[in-house]
N, C-alpha and C. Protein backbone atom coordinates (compact mmCIF):
# COMPACT_ATOMS: atom_id res chain seq x y z
N MET A 1 129.11 125.42 113.98
CA MET A 1 127.63 125.56 113.67
C MET A 1 127.10 126.23 112.40
N VAL A 2 128.43 126.53 111.71
CA VAL A 2 128.25 126.85 110.22
C VAL A 2 128.84 126.10 109.36
N ASP A 3 127.45 124.83 108.42
CA ASP A 3 128.55 124.59 107.82
C ASP A 3 128.88 124.22 107.04
N PRO A 4 130.54 124.01 106.42
CA PRO A 4 130.36 123.95 105.45
C PRO A 4 130.15 124.51 104.47
N ASP A 5 129.03 123.65 103.38
CA ASP A 5 128.30 123.93 102.31
C ASP A 5 127.73 125.21 102.47
N PHE A 6 127.78 126.69 103.46
CA PHE A 6 127.32 127.76 103.38
C PHE A 6 127.91 128.48 102.28
N LYS A 7 127.60 128.78 101.37
CA LYS A 7 128.39 129.87 100.40
C LYS A 7 128.61 131.13 101.22
N ARG A 8 129.82 131.99 100.80
CA ARG A 8 129.93 132.95 101.68
C ARG A 8 130.52 134.03 100.02
N HIS A 9 129.99 135.40 100.24
CA HIS A 9 130.86 136.96 99.97
C HIS A 9 129.98 138.31 101.19
N VAL A 10 131.31 139.23 100.55
CA VAL A 10 131.22 140.19 100.91
C VAL A 10 130.29 141.09 100.67
N ASP A 11 129.41 141.78 101.49
CA ASP A 11 128.73 143.18 100.57
C ASP A 11 129.08 144.16 101.67
N GLY A 12 129.22 145.31 101.16
CA GLY A 12 129.36 146.32 101.67
C GLY A 12 130.57 145.96 102.88
N GLY A 13 131.14 145.40 103.06
CA GLY A 13 131.85 145.43 104.81
C GLY A 13 131.23 144.11 105.31
N ASP A 14 130.13 143.79 105.26
CA ASP A 14 129.34 142.78 106.03
C ASP A 14 129.94 141.08 105.00
N VAL A 15 129.50 140.18 106.19
CA VAL A 15 129.89 138.68 105.82
C VAL A 15 129.01 138.45 105.50
N VAL A 16 128.60 137.63 104.19
CA VAL A 16 126.94 137.11 104.13
C VAL A 16 127.46 135.28 103.90
N LEU A 17 126.62 134.92 104.74
CA LEU A 17 126.88 132.94 104.23
C LEU A 17 125.51 132.85 104.11
N PHE A 18 125.24 131.85 103.01
CA PHE A 18 123.93 131.53 102.47
C PHE A 18 124.04 130.00 102.03
N LYS A 19 123.02 129.80 102.01
CA LYS A 19 122.75 128.18 101.41
C LYS A 19 120.85 128.24 101.48
N PRO A 20 119.91 127.50 100.77
CA PRO A 20 119.04 127.57 100.38
C PRO A 20 117.92 127.89 102.05
N GLY A 21 117.28 128.41 102.58
CA GLY A 21 116.59 128.32 103.98
C GLY A 21 117.23 129.23 104.91
N ARG A 22 118.49 129.60 104.62
CA ARG A 22 119.08 129.89 105.89
C ARG A 22 120.46 131.10 105.32
N THR A 23 120.11 131.99 106.09
CA THR A 23 121.34 133.20 105.31
C THR A 23 121.82 133.91 107.01
N ILE A 24 123.11 134.08 106.99
CA ILE A 24 123.91 134.47 108.10
C ILE A 24 124.35 136.47 107.50
N TYR A 25 124.01 137.10 107.62
CA TYR A 25 124.43 138.58 108.07
C TYR A 25 125.69 138.67 109.53
N ALA A 26 126.49 139.53 109.11
CA ALA A 26 127.44 139.95 110.10
C ALA A 26 128.15 141.01 109.73
N SER A 27 128.60 141.65 110.95
CA SER A 27 129.67 142.84 110.68
C SER A 27 130.12 143.05 112.03
N VAL A 28 131.56 143.39 112.12
CA VAL A 28 131.99 143.46 113.25
C VAL A 28 132.07 145.26 114.09
N PHE A 29 132.12 145.31 115.22
CA PHE A 29 132.10 147.46 115.05
C PHE A 29 133.01 147.51 116.18
N LYS A 30 134.15 148.23 116.16
CA LYS A 30 135.18 148.82 116.84
C LYS A 30 134.13 149.87 117.71
N THR A 31 134.90 149.89 119.21
CA THR A 31 133.55 150.61 120.15
C THR A 31 134.40 150.94 121.29
N ASP A 32 135.78 152.07 120.71
CA ASP A 32 136.05 152.66 121.54
C ASP A 32 136.31 152.07 123.34
N ASN A 33 136.25 150.62 123.61
CA ASN A 33 136.87 150.63 124.38
C ASN A 33 135.04 151.00 125.82
N VAL A 34 134.25 150.75 124.81
CA VAL A 34 132.83 151.41 125.69
C VAL A 34 132.50 149.90 125.96
N GLU A 35 131.93 149.37 127.42
CA GLU A 35 131.81 148.46 128.04
C GLU A 35 130.72 147.42 127.39
N ALA A 36 130.90 146.38 127.46
CA ALA A 36 129.63 145.40 126.11
C ALA A 36 128.15 146.29 126.71
N GLU A 37 127.64 146.34 127.10
CA GLU A 37 125.89 146.74 127.22
C GLU A 37 125.48 147.73 126.68
N GLU A 38 127.08 149.20 127.32
CA GLU A 38 126.51 150.10 126.63
C GLU A 38 126.72 150.61 125.16
N ALA A 39 127.03 149.43 124.64
CA ALA A 39 128.05 149.29 123.19
C ALA A 39 126.19 148.70 122.56
N ILE A 40 126.32 147.83 122.46
CA ILE A 40 124.26 147.08 122.14
C ILE A 40 123.60 147.63 122.72
N GLU A 41 123.56 148.58 123.33
CA GLU A 41 122.46 149.90 123.70
C GLU A 41 122.29 150.32 122.55
N LYS A 42 123.04 150.84 122.36
CA LYS A 42 123.84 152.35 121.25
C LYS A 42 123.67 151.75 119.89
N MET A 43 123.73 150.09 119.73
CA MET A 43 123.44 149.67 118.24
C MET A 43 122.18 149.05 117.98
N ILE A 44 121.20 149.07 119.10
CA ILE A 44 120.08 148.43 118.84
C ILE A 44 119.11 149.78 119.38
N GLU A 45 119.39 150.31 119.32
CA GLU A 45 118.80 151.99 119.62
C GLU A 45 117.98 152.41 118.37
N GLY A 46 116.61 152.47 118.43
CA GLY A 46 115.80 153.12 117.08
C GLY A 46 115.21 151.68 116.16
N ARG A 47 115.98 150.29 116.99
CA ARG A 47 115.72 149.43 115.66
C ARG A 47 114.08 149.19 115.64
N PRO A 48 113.47 149.09 113.83
CA PRO A 48 112.89 148.57 114.20
C PRO A 48 111.89 147.40 114.61
N GLY A 49 110.44 147.06 114.60
CA GLY A 49 109.88 145.79 114.87
C GLY A 49 109.81 145.12 116.43
N ILE A 50 108.55 144.96 116.57
CA ILE A 50 108.08 144.77 117.68
C ILE A 50 108.54 142.88 118.01
N PRO A 51 109.34 142.43 118.70
CA PRO A 51 110.24 141.12 119.02
C PRO A 51 108.96 139.95 119.27
N VAL A 52 109.05 139.00 118.63
CA VAL A 52 108.70 137.66 118.92
C VAL A 52 109.28 137.14 120.39
N GLN A 53 110.30 137.11 120.21
CA GLN A 53 111.02 136.86 121.71
C GLN A 53 112.67 137.01 121.86
N MET A 54 112.84 137.12 123.02
CA MET A 54 114.08 137.91 123.89
C MET A 54 114.89 137.24 123.85
N PHE A 55 116.15 137.11 123.93
CA PHE A 55 117.41 135.64 124.61
C PHE A 55 118.04 136.99 125.17
N ASP A 56 118.60 136.33 125.94
CA ASP A 56 120.03 137.25 126.65
C ASP A 56 121.29 135.79 126.69
N ARG A 57 122.53 136.64 126.21
CA ARG A 57 123.38 136.06 126.47
C ARG A 57 124.71 136.18 127.59
N GLU A 58 125.62 136.33 128.58
CA GLU A 58 126.42 136.33 129.08
C GLU A 58 127.64 135.29 129.77
N GLU A 59 128.77 135.32 129.35
CA GLU A 59 129.51 134.63 129.19
C GLU A 59 130.66 135.50 130.29
N PRO A 60 131.58 134.99 131.12
CA PRO A 60 132.51 135.75 130.97
C PRO A 60 133.60 136.47 129.65
N GLY A 61 133.52 138.12 129.68
CA GLY A 61 133.94 139.09 129.10
C GLY A 61 133.12 139.05 127.53
N ILE A 62 131.82 138.52 127.61
CA ILE A 62 130.80 138.84 126.59
C ILE A 62 129.61 139.16 126.88
N GLN A 63 128.97 139.75 126.18
CA GLN A 63 127.45 140.31 126.74
C GLN A 63 126.66 140.16 125.38
N GLY A 64 125.54 139.88 125.62
CA GLY A 64 124.54 139.98 124.41
C GLY A 64 123.14 140.05 124.15
N HIS A 65 122.95 139.71 123.25
CA HIS A 65 120.97 140.11 123.49
C HIS A 65 120.51 139.85 121.86
N ALA A 66 118.71 139.28 121.81
CA ALA A 66 118.69 138.96 120.76
C ALA A 66 117.30 138.59 120.73
N TYR A 67 117.13 138.98 119.77
CA TYR A 67 115.52 139.20 119.28
C TYR A 67 115.45 138.24 118.12
N LEU A 68 113.53 137.70 118.18
CA LEU A 68 113.43 136.91 117.02
C LEU A 68 112.05 137.83 116.51
N LEU A 69 112.53 138.21 114.82
CA LEU A 69 111.80 139.18 114.69
C LEU A 69 110.53 138.24 113.15
N PRO A 70 110.38 138.61 112.75
CA PRO A 70 108.81 137.90 111.44
C PRO A 70 109.71 138.89 110.64
N GLU A 71 109.89 138.42 109.16
CA GLU A 71 110.33 139.27 108.45
C GLU A 71 109.29 139.24 107.09
N GLY A 72 109.64 139.26 105.96
CA GLY A 72 109.13 139.73 105.05
C GLY A 72 107.51 139.94 104.63
N GLY A 73 107.07 139.52 102.99
CA GLY A 73 105.78 140.15 103.09
C GLY A 73 104.49 138.72 103.21
N LYS A 74 103.50 139.22 102.88
CA LYS A 74 102.39 138.06 102.52
C LYS A 74 103.06 136.69 101.89
N GLU A 75 103.18 137.29 101.19
CA GLU A 75 103.97 135.49 100.13
C GLU A 75 105.27 135.61 100.71
N ASN A 76 105.88 136.17 101.29
CA ASN A 76 107.35 135.44 100.99
C ASN A 76 107.78 135.53 103.23
N LYS A 77 106.98 135.17 104.11
CA LYS A 77 107.30 134.98 104.85
C LYS A 77 108.52 134.55 105.82
N TYR A 78 109.07 135.07 106.32
CA TYR A 78 110.78 134.35 106.78
C TYR A 78 111.21 134.79 108.34
N TRP A 79 111.94 134.10 109.10
CA TRP A 79 112.26 135.02 110.48
C TRP A 79 114.03 135.30 110.37
N GLY A 80 114.05 135.86 111.22
CA GLY A 80 114.80 136.90 111.83
C GLY A 80 115.68 137.10 112.93
N LEU A 81 116.24 136.00 113.15
CA LEU A 81 116.80 136.35 115.14
C LEU A 81 118.22 137.10 115.00
N ASN A 82 118.39 138.19 115.28
CA ASN A 82 118.53 139.86 115.24
C ASN A 82 119.42 139.70 116.77
N THR A 83 121.05 139.70 116.42
CA THR A 83 122.13 139.23 117.70
C THR A 83 122.48 140.72 117.76
N TRP A 84 122.90 140.28 119.21
CA TRP A 84 124.00 142.07 119.02
C TRP A 84 125.63 141.11 120.49
N THR A 85 126.33 140.79 119.85
CA THR A 85 127.48 140.50 121.09
C THR A 85 128.49 141.20 121.05
N ALA A 86 128.79 141.42 122.35
CA ALA A 86 129.84 142.72 122.93
C ALA A 86 130.85 141.88 123.48
N ALA A 87 132.18 142.31 122.88
CA ALA A 87 133.22 142.35 124.30
C ALA A 87 133.97 143.12 124.40
N LYS A 88 134.90 144.12 125.59
CA LYS A 88 135.25 144.88 125.65
C LYS A 88 136.06 145.45 124.08
N GLY A 89 135.74 146.73 123.61
CA GLY A 89 136.20 147.52 122.33
C GLY A 89 135.74 146.40 121.02
N SER A 90 134.77 145.45 121.01
CA SER A 90 134.11 145.36 119.95
C SER A 90 132.77 145.05 119.92
N VAL A 91 131.49 145.09 119.19
CA VAL A 91 130.08 144.10 119.00
C VAL A 91 130.03 143.92 117.49
N ALA A 92 129.96 142.62 117.58
CA ALA A 92 129.62 141.92 116.01
C ALA A 92 127.65 142.00 116.84
N CYS A 93 127.27 142.10 115.32
CA CYS A 93 126.09 141.94 114.45
C CYS A 93 125.92 141.13 114.40
N VAL A 94 125.20 139.97 114.30
CA VAL A 94 124.74 138.40 113.43
C VAL A 94 123.49 138.80 113.23
N THR A 95 122.62 138.41 111.93
CA THR A 95 121.97 138.12 111.96
C THR A 95 121.33 137.00 110.86
N MET A 96 120.61 136.23 111.68
CA MET A 96 120.41 134.76 110.80
C MET A 96 118.91 134.78 110.15
N TYR A 97 118.78 134.44 108.63
CA TYR A 97 117.49 134.32 108.75
C TYR A 97 117.09 132.79 108.04
N PHE A 98 116.06 132.41 108.50
CA PHE A 98 115.56 130.90 108.54
C PHE A 98 114.05 131.47 108.28
N GLU A 99 113.55 130.20 107.50
CA GLU A 99 111.96 129.74 106.97
C GLU A 99 110.94 129.29 107.45
N ASN A 100 111.70 128.60 108.29
CA ASN A 100 111.12 127.57 109.41
C ASN A 100 111.37 127.57 110.61
N LEU A 101 110.46 128.17 111.68
CA LEU A 101 110.05 128.61 112.88
C LEU A 101 111.59 126.59 113.50
N ASP A 102 111.42 125.93 113.41
CA ASP A 102 111.88 125.26 113.85
C ASP A 102 113.39 125.08 113.48
N ASP A 103 114.14 126.14 112.89
CA ASP A 103 114.87 125.82 112.62
C ASP A 103 116.02 127.43 113.73
N LEU A 104 114.71 127.61 114.44
CA LEU A 104 115.66 128.54 115.64
C LEU A 104 116.21 127.89 116.56
N ASN A 105 116.75 126.69 116.70
CA ASN A 105 117.82 126.47 117.62
C ASN A 105 119.07 126.00 116.57
N TRP A 106 118.89 126.42 115.82
CA TRP A 106 119.65 126.07 115.23
C TRP A 106 120.59 128.06 115.05
N ALA A 107 119.93 128.71 114.79
CA ALA A 107 119.89 130.24 115.27
C ALA A 107 120.75 130.58 116.53
N ILE A 108 120.13 129.95 117.36
CA ILE A 108 120.48 130.39 118.47
C ILE A 108 122.04 130.04 119.17
N SER A 109 122.02 128.71 118.84
CA SER A 109 123.40 127.90 118.67
C SER A 109 124.18 128.83 118.14
N THR A 110 124.18 129.08 116.70
CA THR A 110 125.01 129.56 116.05
C THR A 110 125.44 131.07 116.31
N TRP A 111 124.70 131.83 117.03
CA TRP A 111 125.06 132.80 117.84
C TRP A 111 125.74 132.98 118.66
N LYS A 112 125.92 131.48 119.86
CA LYS A 112 126.35 131.40 121.02
C LYS A 112 127.45 130.79 120.44
N THR A 113 128.19 131.00 119.10
CA THR A 113 129.68 130.75 118.57
C THR A 113 129.76 132.14 118.47
N VAL A 114 129.45 132.94 118.45
CA VAL A 114 130.03 134.38 117.87
C VAL A 114 131.07 134.66 118.93
N ARG A 115 132.19 135.18 118.68
CA ARG A 115 132.69 135.60 119.64
C ARG A 115 133.81 137.14 118.82
N PRO A 116 133.41 138.17 119.32
CA PRO A 116 133.52 139.42 118.69
C PRO A 116 135.00 139.62 118.66
N ARG A 117 135.69 140.35 117.73
CA ARG A 117 137.07 140.95 118.32
C ARG A 117 137.24 141.75 117.03
N VAL A 118 137.84 143.46 116.79
CA VAL A 118 137.60 144.10 116.18
C VAL A 118 138.49 143.48 114.71
N GLY A 119 137.73 143.46 114.30
CA GLY A 119 138.25 143.82 112.27
C GLY A 119 138.64 141.80 112.49
N LYS A 120 137.84 141.50 113.32
CA LYS A 120 137.47 139.83 113.11
C LYS A 120 136.32 139.04 113.95
N LEU A 121 135.70 137.86 113.17
CA LEU A 121 134.63 137.48 114.45
C LEU A 121 134.73 136.04 113.83
N ASN A 122 134.42 135.22 114.86
CA ASN A 122 134.67 133.73 114.60
C ASN A 122 133.49 132.98 114.64
N LEU A 123 132.84 132.29 113.92
CA LEU A 123 131.49 131.83 114.16
C LEU A 123 131.67 130.16 113.50
N ASN A 124 132.59 129.60 115.20
CA ASN A 124 133.10 127.91 114.97
C ASN A 124 131.89 127.47 114.66
């Protein structure tokens, strides 16, 4: 789901993929073999904002939660799909930013390709 025309760089340990109108920030963290749900709860704890919409993901060996938030100020509004996807031993925090709400399906489809592994992140 990540188009080959996305530019890429590393920002303080996060992988950033971007092109006009869309940006993806991705990080993977080791969770010391904590179960997936516990790892996600720890990552979400204290996260600011009131979600417009929430999503869950459950697949064999993978658990995830996401929520949609409006971002930016009055002049520069955009959307963020904040996601946490965990497998035993790691959790991937991936946020997709996009300008048009019509891109929500793209963001959800991108999230569903995330397969966390310690030290690696696959975005097929």
